PDB file of N, CA and C in Angstrom:
ATOM      1  N   MET A   1       0.928  -1.217   0.134  1.00  0.00           N
ATOM      2  CA  MET A   1      -0.131   0.172  -0.042  1.00  0.00           C
ATOM      3  C   MET A   1       0.781   1.181  -0.296  1.00  0.00           C
ATOM      4  N   SER A   2       0.379   2.331  -0.481  1.00  0.00           N
ATOM      5  CA  SER A   2       1.271   3.222  -0.631  1.00  0.00           C
ATOM      6  C   SER A   2       1.198   4.650   0.207  1.00  0.00           C
ATOM      7  N   GLU A   3       1.943   5.778  -0.078  1.00  0.00           N
ATOM      8  CA  GLU A   3       2.032   6.227   1.306  1.00  0.00           C
ATOM      9  C   GLU A   3       0.315   7.187   0.741  1.00  0.00           C
ATOM     10  N   ILE A   4       0.295   7.323  -0.455  1.00  0.00           N
ATOM     11  CA  ILE A   4      -1.117   7.877  -0.597  1.00  0.00           C
ATOM     12  C   ILE A   4      -2.098   7.587  -0.372  1.00  0.00           C
ATOM     13  N   SER A   5      -2.091   6.080  -0.761  1.00  0.00           N
ATOM     14  CA  SER A   5      -3.411   5.260  -0.378  1.00  0.00           C
ATOM     15  C   SER A   5      -3.909   4.774   1.146  1.00  0.00           C
ATOM     16  N   THR A   6      -2.701   5.050   2.035  1.00  0.00           N
ATOM     17  CA  THR A   6      -2.521   5.059   3.324  1.00  0.00           C
ATOM     18  C   THR A   6      -3.341   6.325   3.329  1.00  0.00           C
ATOM     19  N   ILE A   7      -2.939   7.224   3.384  1.00  0.00           N
ATOM     20  CA  ILE A   7      -3.668   8.276   3.755  1.00  0.00           C
ATOM     21  C   ILE A   7      -4.678   8.573   3.504  1.00  0.00           C
ATOM     22  N   TYR A   8      -5.151   8.130   2.089  1.00  0.00           N
ATOM     23  CA  TYR A   8      -6.499   8.317   1.233  1.00  0.00           C
ATOM     24  C   TYR A   8      -7.710   7.385   2.427  1.00  0.00           C
ATOM     25  N   THR A   9      -7.065   5.784   3.227  1.00  0.00           N
ATOM     26  CA  THR A   9      -7.626   5.321   3.387  1.00  0.00           C
ATOM     27  C   THR A   9      -8.182   5.795   5.309  1.00  0.00           C
ATOM     28  N   LEU A  10      -6.791   6.181   5.473  1.00  0.00           N
ATOM     29  CA  LEU A  10      -7.266   6.706   7.372  1.00  0.00           C
ATOM     30  C   LEU A  10      -8.018   7.587   7.035  1.00  0.00           C
ATOM     31  N   CYS A  11      -8.237   8.846   5.814  1.00  0.00           N
ATOM     32  CA  CYS A  11      -9.325  10.007   6.092  1.00  0.00           C
ATOM     33  C   CYS A  11     -10.838   9.289   5.760  1.00  0.00           C
ATOM     34  N   GLU A  12     -11.366   8.051   5.182  1.00  0.00           N
ATOM     35  CA  GLU A  12     -12.075   7.263   5.075  1.00  0.00           C
ATOM     36  C   GLU A  12     -12.563   6.475   5.924  1.00  0.00           C
ATOM     37  N   SER A  13     -11.999   6.099   6.616  1.00  0.00           N
ATOM     38  CA  SER A  13     -11.865   5.403   8.110  1.00  0.00           C
ATOM     39  C   SER A  13     -12.441   5.904   8.968  1.00  0.00           C
ATOM     40  N   ILE A  14     -11.845   7.604   9.321  1.00  0.00           N
ATOM     41  CA  ILE A  14     -11.728   8.378  10.128  1.00  0.00           C
ATOM     42  C   ILE A  14     -13.648   8.536   9.735  1.00  0.00           C
ATOM     43  N   VAL A  15     -13.614   9.106   8.763  1.00  0.00           N
ATOM     44  CA  VAL A  15     -15.256   9.439   8.906  1.00  0.00           C
ATOM     45  C   VAL A  15     -16.162   8.438   8.775  1.00  0.00           C
ATOM     46  N   LYS A  16     -15.404   7.770   8.491  1.00  0.00           N
ATOM     47  CA  LYS A  16     -16.876   5.948   8.262  1.00  0.00           C
ATOM     48  C   LYS A  16     -17.097   5.879   9.746  1.00  0.00           C
ATOM     49  N   LEU A  17     -15.718   5.497  10.842  1.00  0.00           N
ATOM     50  CA  LEU A  17     -15.936   4.760  12.168  1.00  0.00           C
ATOM     51  C   LEU A  17     -16.598   6.121  13.018  1.00  0.00           C
ATOM     52  N   ARG A  18     -16.390   7.152  12.757  1.00  0.00           N
ATOM     53  CA  ARG A  18     -16.749   8.586  13.747  1.00  0.00           C
ATOM     54  C   ARG A  18     -18.237   8.371  13.113  1.00  0.00           C
ATOM     55  N   THR A  19     -18.835   8.198  11.945  1.00  0.00           N
ATOM     56  CA  THR A  19     -20.687   8.369  11.841  1.00  0.00           C
ATOM     57  C   THR A  19     -20.864   7.102  11.982  1.00  0.00           C
ATOM     58  N   ASN A  20     -20.040   5.714  11.603  1.00  0.00           N
ATOM     59  CA  ASN A  20     -21.181   5.041  12.718  1.00  0.00           C
ATOM     60  C   ASN A  20     -20.736   5.525  14.263  1.00  0.00           C
ATOM     61  N   LEU A  21     -20.161   5.808  14.570  1.00  0.00           N
ATOM     62  CA  LEU A  21     -20.533   5.964  16.096  1.00  0.00           C
ATOM     63  C   LEU A  21     -21.543   7.151  16.255  1.00  0.00           C
ATOM     64  N   GLY A  22     -22.012   7.297  15.685  1.00  0.00           N
ATOM     65  CA  GLY A  22     -22.873   8.942  15.798  1.00  0.00           C
ATOM     66  C   GLY A  22     -22.198   9.492  16.208  1.00  0.00           C
ATOM     67  N   ILE A  23     -20.922  10.120  16.234  1.00  0.00           N
ATOM     68  CA  ILE A  23     -20.262  11.422  16.861  1.00  0.00           C
ATOM     69  C   ILE A  23     -19.975  12.395  15.667  1.00  0.00           C
ATOM     70  N   THR A  24     -20.369  13.772  16.367  1.00  0.00           N
ATOM     71  CA  THR A  24     -20.053  14.748  14.786  1.00  0.00           C
ATOM     72  C   THR A  24     -18.063  15.409  15.448  1.00  0.00           C
ATOM     73  N   GLN A  25     -17.451  15.894  14.403  1.00  0.00           N
ATOM     74  CA  GLN A  25     -16.829  16.217  14.014  1.00  0.00           C
ATOM     75  C   GLN A  25     -15.851  16.833  15.285  1.00  0.00           C
ATOM     76  N   SER A  26     -16.613  17.799  16.031  1.00  0.00           N
ATOM     77  CA  SER A  26     -16.977  18.379  17.444  1.00  0.00           C
ATOM     78  C   SER A  26     -16.292  17.712  18.063  1.00  0.00           C
ATOM     79  N   GLN A  27     -17.667  16.850  18.445  1.00  0.00           N
ATOM     80  CA  GLN A  27     -17.164  15.612  19.653  1.00  0.00           C
ATOM     81  C   GLN A  27     -15.698  14.884  20.005  1.00  0.00           C
ATOM     82  N   LEU A  28     -16.028  14.233  17.894  1.00  0.00           N
ATOM     83  CA  LEU A  28     -14.446  13.296  18.144  1.00  0.00           C
ATOM     84  C   LEU A  28     -13.263  14.248  18.559  1.00  0.00           C
ATOM     85  N   GLY A  29     -13.378  15.788  18.853  1.00  0.00           N
ATOM     86  CA  GLY A  29     -11.560  16.506  18.724  1.00  0.00           C
ATOM     87  C   GLY A  29     -12.018  16.832  19.917  1.00  0.00           C
ATOM     88  N   LYS A  30     -12.828  17.002  20.288  1.00  0.00           N
ATOM     89  CA  LYS A  30     -12.921  17.018  21.963  1.00  0.00           C
ATOM     90  C   LYS A  30     -12.596  15.945  23.132  1.00  0.00           C
ATOM     91  N   ARG A  31     -12.786  14.383  22.797  1.00  0.00           N
ATOM     92  CA  ARG A  31     -12.298  13.529  23.277  1.00  0.00           C
ATOM     93  C   ARG A  31     -10.681  13.428  22.478  1.00  0.00           C
ATOM     94  N   LEU A  32     -10.556  13.791  21.858  1.00  0.00           N
ATOM     95  CA  LEU A  32      -8.756  13.714  21.217  1.00  0.00           C
ATOM     96  C   LEU A  32      -7.861  15.103  21.598  1.00  0.00           C
ATOM     97  N   GLY A  33      -8.789  15.840  22.381  1.00  0.00           N
ATOM     98  CA  GLY A  33      -7.800  17.214  23.171  1.00  0.00           C
ATOM     99  C   GLY A  33      -7.505  18.115  21.290  1.00  0.00           C
ATOM    100  N   VAL A  34      -8.130  18.158  20.376  1.00  0.00           N
ATOM    101  CA  VAL A  34      -8.338  18.838  18.849  1.00  0.00           C
ATOM    102  C   VAL A  34      -9.017  19.683  19.099  1.00  0.00           C
ATOM    103  N   THR A  35      -9.080  20.045  17.846  1.00  0.00           N
ATOM    104  CA  THR A  35     -10.615  21.197  17.004  1.00  0.00           C
ATOM    105  C   THR A  35     -11.201  20.480  16.314  1.00  0.00           C
ATOM    106  N   ARG A  36     -12.615  20.932  16.323  1.00  0.00           N
ATOM    107  CA  ARG A  36     -13.069  19.977  15.091  1.00  0.00           C
ATOM    108  C   ARG A  36     -12.524  20.697  13.588  1.00  0.00           C
ATOM    109  N   ALA A  37     -12.186  21.605  13.551  1.00  0.00           N
ATOM    110  CA  ALA A  37     -11.330  21.711  12.220  1.00  0.00           C
ATOM    111  C   ALA A  37     -10.243  21.424  11.875  1.00  0.00           C
ATOM    112  N   ALA A  38      -9.649  20.416  13.139  1.00  0.00           N
ATOM    113  CA  ALA A  38      -8.215  19.578  13.081  1.00  0.00           C
ATOM    114  C   ALA A  38      -8.871  18.053  12.398  1.00  0.00           C
ATOM    115  N   VAL A  39     -10.523  17.572  12.650  1.00  0.00           N
ATOM    116  CA  VAL A  39     -10.742  16.786  12.824  1.00  0.00           C
ATOM    117  C   VAL A  39     -11.080  16.683  11.595  1.00  0.00           C
ATOM    118  N   ASN A  40     -11.777  18.105  10.710  1.00  0.00           N
ATOM    119  CA  ASN A  40     -12.503  18.063   9.140  1.00  0.00           C
ATOM    120  C   ASN A  40     -11.053  18.183   8.492  1.00  0.00           C
ATOM    121  N   SER A  41     -10.075  18.393   8.700  1.00  0.00           N
ATOM    122  CA  SER A  41      -8.606  18.806   7.784  1.00  0.00           C
ATOM    123  C   SER A  41      -8.218  17.244   7.418  1.00  0.00           C
ATOM    124  N   TRP A  42      -8.197  16.480   8.739  1.00  0.00           N
ATOM    125  CA  TRP A  42      -7.692  14.831   8.437  1.00  0.00           C
ATOM    126  C   TRP A  42      -8.657  14.175   7.628  1.00  0.00           C
ATOM    127  N   GLU A  43     -10.100  14.158   7.831  1.00  0.00           N
ATOM    128  CA  GLU A  43     -10.818  13.435   6.733  1.00  0.00           C
ATOM    129  C   GLU A  43     -11.214  14.101   5.411  1.00  0.00           C
ATOM    130  N   MET A  44     -10.218  14.911   5.390  1.00  0.00           N
ATOM    131  CA  MET A  44     -10.289  15.773   3.934  1.00  0.00           C
ATOM    132  C   MET A  44      -8.819  15.052   3.719  1.00  0.00           C
ATOM    133  N   GLY A  45      -8.543  14.911   4.505  1.00  0.00           N
ATOM    134  CA  GLY A  45      -6.717  14.479   3.554  1.00  0.00           C
ATOM    135  C   GLY A  45      -5.792  15.563   3.703  1.00  0.00           C
ATOM    136  N   LEU A  46      -6.181  16.686   4.219  1.00  0.00           N
ATOM    137  CA  LEU A  46      -5.038  18.055   3.991  1.00  0.00           C
ATOM    138  C   LEU A  46      -4.452  17.616   5.125  1.00  0.00           C
ATOM    139  N   SER A  47      -4.424  17.307   6.236  1.00  0.00           N
ATOM    140  CA  SER A  47      -3.144  16.871   7.457  1.00  0.00           C
ATOM    141  C   SER A  47      -3.638  15.394   7.534  1.00  0.00           C
ATOM    142  N   ILE A  48      -2.398  14.889   8.547  1.00  0.00           N
ATOM    143  CA  ILE A  48      -2.330  14.035   8.962  1.00  0.00           C
ATOM    144  C   ILE A  48      -2.505  13.929  10.245  1.00  0.00           C
ATOM    145  N   PRO A  49      -3.319  12.967  11.468  1.00  0.00           N
ATOM    146  CA  PRO A  49      -3.269  13.340  12.583  1.00  0.00           C
ATOM    147  C   PRO A  49      -1.737  12.932  13.264  1.00  0.00           C
ATOM    148  N   GLN A  50      -1.353  13.047  14.432  1.00  0.00           N
ATOM    149  CA  GLN A  50      -0.731  12.396  15.353  1.00  0.00           C
ATOM    150  C   GLN A  50      -0.571  11.139  15.784  1.00  0.00           C
ATOM    151  N   LEU A  51       0.537  10.704  15.545  1.00  0.00           N
ATOM    152  CA  LEU A  51       0.268   9.119  15.953  1.00  0.00           C
ATOM    153  C   LEU A  51      -0.149   8.528  17.405  1.00  0.00           C
ATOM    154  N   LYS A  52       0.120   9.680  18.212  1.00  0.00           N
ATOM    155  CA  LYS A  52      -1.183   9.561  19.272  1.00  0.00           C
ATOM    156  C   LYS A  52      -2.389  10.133  19.466  1.00  0.00           C
ATOM    157  N   HIS A  53      -2.381  10.469  18.243  1.00  0.00           N
ATOM    158  CA  HIS A  53      -4.510  10.475  18.026  1.00  0.00           C
ATOM    159  C   HIS A  53      -4.893   9.143  17.010  1.00  0.00           C
ATOM    160  N   ILE A  54      -4.178   8.683  16.408  1.00  0.00           N
ATOM    161  CA  ILE A  54      -4.328   7.873  15.631  1.00  0.00           C
ATOM    162  C   ILE A  54      -4.902   6.413  16.595  1.00  0.00           C
ATOM    163  N   VAL A  55      -3.453   6.383  17.519  1.00  0.00           N
ATOM    164  CA  VAL A  55      -3.686   5.026  18.735  1.00  0.00           C
ATOM    165  C   VAL A  55      -4.741   5.462  19.379  1.00  0.00           C
ATOM    166  N   GLU A  56      -5.380   6.952  20.143  1.00  0.00           N
ATOM    167  CA  GLU A  56      -6.489   7.551  20.769  1.00  0.00           C
ATOM    168  C   GLU A  56      -7.999   6.662  19.897  1.00  0.00           C
ATOM    169  N   MET A  57      -7.697   7.380  18.671  1.00  0.00           N
ATOM    170  CA  MET A  57      -8.651   7.034  17.489  1.00  0.00           C
ATOM    171  C   MET A  57      -8.856   5.582  17.765  1.00  0.00           C
ATOM    172  N   SER A  58      -7.621   4.728  17.568  1.00  0.00           N
ATOM    173  CA  SER A  58      -8.071   3.148  17.380  1.00  0.00           C
ATOM    174  C   SER A  58      -9.497   2.612  18.869  1.00  0.00           C
ATOM    175  N   LYS A  59      -9.181   3.016  20.056  1.00  0.00           N
ATOM    176  CA  LYS A  59      -9.597   3.045  20.813  1.00  0.00           C
ATOM    177  C   LYS A  59     -11.084   3.670  20.967  1.00  0.00           C
ATOM    178  N   ILE A  60     -10.879   4.609  20.421  1.00  0.00           N
ATOM    179  CA  ILE A  60     -12.508   5.285  20.571  1.00  0.00           C
ATOM    180  C   ILE A  60     -13.532   4.524  19.776  1.00  0.00           C
ATOM    181  N   PHE A  61     -12.927   3.932  18.228  1.00  0.00           N
ATOM    182  CA  PHE A  61     -13.491   3.200  17.684  1.00  0.00           C
ATOM    183  C   PHE A  61     -13.437   2.219  18.010  1.00  0.00           C
ATOM    184  N   ASN A  62     -13.262   1.618  18.781  1.00  0.00           N
ATOM    185  CA  ASN A  62     -12.992  -0.095  19.264  1.00  0.00           C
ATOM    186  C   ASN A  62     -12.246  -0.475  18.037  1.00  0.00           C
ATOM    187  N   THR A  63     -11.084  -0.741  17.433  1.00  0.00           N
ATOM    188  CA  THR A  63     -10.772  -1.514  16.756  1.00  0.00           C
ATOM    189  C   THR A  63      -8.957  -1.339  17.013  1.00  0.00           C
ATOM    190  N   THR A  64      -8.580  -1.854  15.713  1.00  0.00           N
ATOM    191  CA  THR A  64      -6.921  -1.658  15.858  1.00  0.00           C
ATOM    192  C   THR A  64      -6.324  -0.212  15.102  1.00  0.00           C
ATOM    193  N   VAL A  65      -5.343  -0.332  15.322  1.00  0.00           N
ATOM    194  CA  VAL A  65      -4.565   0.905  14.245  1.00  0.00           C
ATOM    195  C   VAL A  65      -4.479   0.053  12.875  1.00  0.00           C
ATOM    196  N   ASP A  66      -4.025  -1.005  13.064  1.00  0.00           N
ATOM    197  CA  ASP A  66      -4.565  -1.655  11.792  1.00  0.00           C
ATOM    198  C   ASP A  66      -5.514  -1.257  10.645  1.00  0.00           C
ATOM    199  N   GLY A  67      -6.568  -1.246  11.776  1.00  0.00           N
ATOM    200  CA  GLY A  67      -8.016  -1.685  11.515  1.00  0.00           C
ATOM    201  C   GLY A  67      -8.408   0.227  11.131  1.00  0.00           C
ATOM    202  N   LEU A  68      -8.139   0.930  11.756  1.00  0.00           N
ATOM    203  CA  LEU A  68      -7.852   2.224  11.123  1.00  0.00           C
ATOM    204  C   LEU A  68      -7.495   2.738  10.155  1.00  0.00           C
ATOM    205  N   LEU A  69      -6.244   1.893   9.604  1.00  0.00           N
ATOM    206  CA  LEU A  69      -5.682   2.215   8.451  1.00  0.00           C
ATOM    207  C   LEU A  69      -6.437   1.284   7.352  1.00  0.00           C
ATOM    208  N   ASN A  70      -7.136   0.219   7.898  1.00  0.00           N
ATOM    209  CA  ASN A  70      -7.618  -0.455   7.135  1.00  0.00           C
ATOM    210  C   ASN A  70      -6.760  -1.134   6.788  1.00  0.00           C
ATOM    211  N   THR A  71      -5.530  -1.737   7.380  1.00  0.00           N
ATOM    212  CA  THR A  71      -4.659  -3.084   6.721  1.00  0.00           C
ATOM    213  C   THR A  71      -5.251  -4.091   7.016  1.00  0.00           C
ATOM    214  N   SER A  72      -6.106  -4.116   7.493  1.00  0.00           N
ATOM    215  CA  SER A  72      -6.348  -5.512   8.231  1.00  0.00           C
ATOM    216  C   SER A  72      -7.642  -5.662   8.234  1.00  0.00           C
ATOM    217  N   GLN A  73      -8.258  -6.687   8.253  1.00  0.00           N
ATOM    218  CA  GLN A  73     -10.294  -6.862   8.229  1.00  0.00           C
ATOM    219  C   GLN A  73     -10.066  -7.424   9.617  1.00  0.00           C
ATOM    220  N   ARG A  74      -9.219  -7.936  10.471  1.00  0.00           N
ATOM    221  CA  ARG A  74      -9.325  -8.441  11.439  1.00  0.00           C
ATOM    222  C   ARG A  74     -10.467  -7.180  12.643  1.00  0.00           C
ATOM    223  N   VAL A  75     -10.878  -8.225  13.476  1.00  0.00           N
ATOM    224  CA  VAL A  75     -12.040  -7.494  14.187  1.00  0.00           C
ATOM    225  C   VAL A  75     -11.122  -7.915  15.814  1.00  0.00           C
ATOM    226  N   VAL A  76     -11.018  -6.851  16.740  1.00  0.00           N
ATOM    227  CA  VAL A  76     -10.721  -7.506  17.975  1.00  0.00           C
ATOM    228  C   VAL A  76     -11.931  -7.170  18.932  1.00  0.00           C
ATOM    229  N   ILE A  77     -11.961  -7.990  19.942  1.00  0.00           N
ATOM    230  CA  ILE A  77     -12.549  -8.030  20.608  1.00  0.00           C
ATOM    231  C   ILE A  77     -11.977  -8.261  21.954  1.00  0.00           C
ATOM    232  N   ASP A  78     -12.196  -7.444  22.962  1.00  0.00           N
ATOM    233  CA  ASP A  78     -11.399  -7.559  24.205  1.00  0.00           C
ATOM    234  C   ASP A  78     -11.832  -8.307  25.274  1.00  0.00           C
ATOM    235  N   ILE A  79     -11.595  -9.757  25.879  1.00  0.00           N
ATOM    236  CA  ILE A  79     -11.773 -10.794  26.301  1.00  0.00           C
ATOM    237  C   ILE A  79     -11.412 -10.860  27.684  1.00  0.00           C
ATOM    238  N   THR A  80     -10.275  -9.609  27.994  1.00  0.00           N
ATOM    239  CA  THR A  80      -9.273  -9.911  29.419  1.00  0.00           C
ATOM    240  C   THR A  80      -9.942 -10.043  30.499  1.00  0.00           C
ATOM    241  N   ASP A  81     -10.760  -9.820  30.991  1.00  0.00           N
ATOM    242  CA  ASP A  81     -12.163  -9.040  31.540  1.00  0.00           C
ATOM    243  C   ASP A  81     -12.620 -10.656  32.010  1.00  0.00           C
ATOM    244  N   LEU A  82     -12.940 -12.050  31.254  1.00  0.00           N
ATOM    245  CA  LEU A  82     -13.690 -12.727  31.511  1.00  0.00           C
ATOM    246  C   LEU A  82     -12.519 -13.778  32.038  1.00  0.00           C
ATOM    247  N   SER A  83     -12.754 -14.627  32.849  1.00  0.00           N
ATOM    248  CA  SER A  83     -12.103 -15.873  32.970  1.00  0.00           C
ATOM    249  C   SER A  83     -11.782 -16.387  32.071  1.00  0.00           C
ATOM    250  N   GLU A  84     -10.840 -17.955  32.142  1.00  0.00           N
ATOM    251  CA  GLU A  84      -9.880 -18.680  31.808  1.00  0.00           C
ATOM    252  C   GLU A  84     -10.865 -19.019  30.902  1.00  0.00           C
ATOM    253  N   LYS A  85     -12.476 -19.744  31.426  1.00  0.00           N
ATOM    254  CA  LYS A  85     -12.973 -21.017  31.129  1.00  0.00           C
ATOM    255  C   LYS A  85     -13.665 -19.906  30.188  1.00  0.00           C
ATOM    256  N   GLU A  86     -14.125 -19.139  30.372  1.00  0.00           N
ATOM    257  CA  GLU A  86     -14.833 -18.095  29.543  1.00  0.00           C
ATOM    258  C   GLU A  86     -14.116 -17.817  28.153  1.00  0.00           C
ATOM    259  N   GLN A  87     -12.647 -17.356  28.470  1.00  0.00           N
ATOM    260  CA  GLN A  87     -11.978 -17.397  27.036  1.00  0.00           C
ATOM    261  C   GLN A  87     -12.171 -18.425  26.012  1.00  0.00           C
ATOM    262  N   GLN A  88     -11.465 -19.877  26.949  1.00  0.00           N
ATOM    263  CA  GLN A  88     -11.707 -20.796  25.610  1.00  0.00           C
ATOM    264  C   GLN A  88     -13.536 -20.449  25.385  1.00  0.00           C
ATOM    265  N   ALA A  89     -14.610 -20.850  26.140  1.00  0.00           N
ATOM    266  CA  ALA A  89     -15.762 -20.855  25.237  1.00  0.00           C
ATOM    267  C   ALA A  89     -16.016 -19.860  24.012  1.00  0.00           C
ATOM    268  N   VAL A  90     -15.183 -18.877  24.285  1.00  0.00           N
ATOM    269  CA  VAL A  90     -15.375 -17.636  23.021  1.00  0.00           C
ATOM    270  C   VAL A  90     -14.644 -17.866  21.894  1.00  0.00           C
ATOM    271  N   PHE A  91     -13.562 -18.990  22.612  1.00  0.00           N
ATOM    272  CA  PHE A  91     -12.309 -18.887  21.079  1.00  0.00           C
ATOM    273  C   PHE A  91     -12.886 -20.190  20.378  1.00  0.00           C
ATOM    274  N   GLY A  92     -13.601 -21.512  21.374  1.00  0.00           N
ATOM    275  CA  GLY A  92     -14.565 -22.319  20.566  1.00  0.00           C
ATOM    276  C   GLY A  92     -15.404 -21.854  19.672  1.00  0.00           C
ATOM    277  N   ILE A  93     -15.938 -21.300  20.342  1.00  0.00           N
ATOM    278  CA  ILE A  93     -17.620 -20.126  18.913  1.00  0.00           C
ATOM    279  C   ILE A  93     -16.672 -19.806  17.827  1.00  0.00           C
ATOM    280  N   VAL A  94     -15.296 -19.286  18.130  1.00  0.00           N
ATOM    281  CA  VAL A  94     -15.005 -18.823  16.880  1.00  0.00           C
ATOM    282  C   VAL A  94     -14.758 -19.637  15.807  1.00  0.00           C
ATOM    283  N   ASP A  95     -13.996 -20.388  16.846  1.00  0.00           N
ATOM    284  CA  ASP A  95     -13.197 -21.479  15.913  1.00  0.00           C
ATOM    285  C   ASP A  95     -14.312 -22.508  15.194  1.00  0.00           C
ATOM    286  N   CYS A  96     -15.410 -22.720  15.531  1.00  0.00           N
ATOM    287  CA  CYS A  96     -16.603 -23.290  15.114  1.00  0.00           C
ATOM    288  C   CYS A  96     -16.904 -22.824  14.066  1.00  0.00           C
ATOM    289  N   LEU A  97     -17.253 -20.895  13.768  1.00  0.00           N
ATOM    290  CA  LEU A  97     -18.291 -20.348  13.110  1.00  0.00           C
ATOM    291  C   LEU A  97     -17.016 -20.177  11.952  1.00  0.00           C
ATOM    292  N   LYS A  98     -15.453 -20.273  12.324  1.00  0.00           N
ATOM    293  CA  LYS A  98     -14.607 -20.597  10.932  1.00  0.00           C
ATOM    294  C   LYS A  98     -14.921 -21.599  10.136  1.00  0.00           C
ATOM    295  N   ASN A  99     -14.786 -22.656  11.137  1.00  0.00           N
ATOM    296  CA  ASN A  99     -14.602 -24.217   9.899  1.00  0.00           C
ATOM    297  C   ASN A  99     -16.414 -24.489   9.238  1.00  0.00           C
ATOM    298  N   LYS A 100     -17.569 -23.320   9.735  1.00  0.00           N
ATOM    299  CA  LYS A 100     -18.826 -23.510   9.378  1.00  0.00           C
ATOM    300  C   LYS A 100     -18.911 -22.491   7.877  1.00  0.00           C
ATOM    301  N   ALA A 101     -17.677 -21.774   7.710  1.00  0.00           N
ATOM    302  CA  ALA A 101     -17.416 -20.897   7.229  1.00  0.00           C
ATOM    303  C   ALA A 101     -16.657 -21.208   5.516  1.00  0.00           C
ATOM    304  N   GLU A 102     -15.673 -22.142   6.186  1.00  0.00           N
ATOM    305  CA  GLU A 102     -14.487 -22.964   5.713  1.00  0.00           C
ATOM    306  C   GLU A 102     -15.021 -23.705   4.681  1.00  0.00           C
ATOM    307  N   GLN A 103     -16.555 -24.653   4.892  1.00  0.00           N
ATOM    308  CA  GLN A 103     -16.742 -25.486   4.643  1.00  0.00           C
ATOM    309  C   GLN A 103     -18.541 -24.895   3.853  1.00  0.00           C
ATOM    310  N   GLN A 104     -18.477 -24.099   3.546  1.00  0.00           N
ATOM    311  CA  GLN A 104     -19.425 -23.318   3.107  1.00  0.00           C
ATOM    312  C   GLN A 104     -18.903 -22.927   1.037  1.00  0.00           C
TER     313      GLN A 104
END
């Protein structure tokens, strides 16, 4: 992926994820400690957010930095608060769904 396409993908991702979350540019800016104009500039591809803002946006949007940059189709679910038995159950469900998808 070229640098230009990565920047374009980041712009699109910020718009899409912010919209899906149902927050305005101003609300996102407030959570990040930047202005609405800064968020608008990122979304239009006029500037690039600092790494600390990319990391914080990934947390706000419940994705990874890779996900924000759209370099991966992975979905991350935090199950660290679950017991080991509950985590194993989640892994079992995921494995079952993967096997079902492969069979189709």
